[in-house]
Amino acid sequence: MTIFWMTVYVLIWPIVVAGTLTVIVRAFYKEWRQARDEGRGMV
């Protein structure tokens, strides 16, 4: 059973990381687009 759970962990981990990265990139793009439309910088 230990090998099964280790396999599940190894296979699920990249999906969790990809999902988190997708949320961060989408939020950044939204903020960047809004700042560009308003004519202001990101910083």
Protein backbone atom coordinates (compact mmCIF):
# COMPACT_ATOMS: atom_id res chain seq x y z
CA MET A 1 0.00 0.00 0.00
CA THR A 2 2.90 2.37 0.63
CA ILE A 3 4.07 2.14 -2.98
CA PHE A 4 0.54 2.90 -4.18
CA TRP A 5 0.33 6.11 -2.14
CA MET A 6 3.83 7.18 -3.18
CA THR A 7 2.83 6.69 -6.82
CA VAL A 8 -0.35 8.73 -6.32
CA TYR A 9 1.67 11.50 -4.66
CA VAL A 10 4.25 11.59 -7.45
CA LEU A 11 1.55 11.69 -10.13
CA ILE A 12 -0.67 14.28 -8.42
CA TRP A 13 2.11 16.68 -7.37
CA PRO A 14 2.74 18.11 -10.89
CA ILE A 15 -1.00 18.69 -11.34
CA VAL A 16 -1.19 20.66 -8.08
CA VAL A 17 1.87 22.73 -9.02
CA ALA A 18 0.54 23.41 -12.53
CA GLY A 19 -2.80 24.52 -11.11
CA THR A 20 -1.16 26.87 -8.65
CA LEU A 21 1.10 28.33 -11.32
CA THR A 22 -1.90 28.81 -13.63
CA VAL A 23 -3.76 30.78 -10.96
CA ILE A 24 -0.73 33.01 -10.31
CA VAL A 25 -0.09 33.66 -14.02
CA ARG A 26 -3.75 34.43 -14.74
CA ALA A 27 -3.91 36.90 -11.82
CA PHE A 28 -0.69 38.59 -12.93
CA TYR A 29 -1.93 38.89 -16.52
CA LYS A 30 -5.22 40.38 -15.35
CA GLU A 31 -3.43 42.97 -13.19
CA TRP A 32 -0.96 43.77 -15.98
CA ARG A 33 -3.74 44.23 -18.55
CA GLN A 34 -5.70 46.46 -16.17
CA ALA A 35 -2.64 48.61 -15.44
CA ARG A 36 -1.86 48.90 -19.15
CA ASP A 37 -5.43 49.97 -19.93
CA GLU A 38 -5.28 52.62 -17.19
CA GLY A 39 -1.87 53.86 -18.41
CA ARG A 40 0.04 53.13 -15.22
CA GLY A 41 2.99 50.91 -14.40
CA MET A 42 2.89 47.70 -12.46
CA VAL A 43 5.34 48.86 -9.82
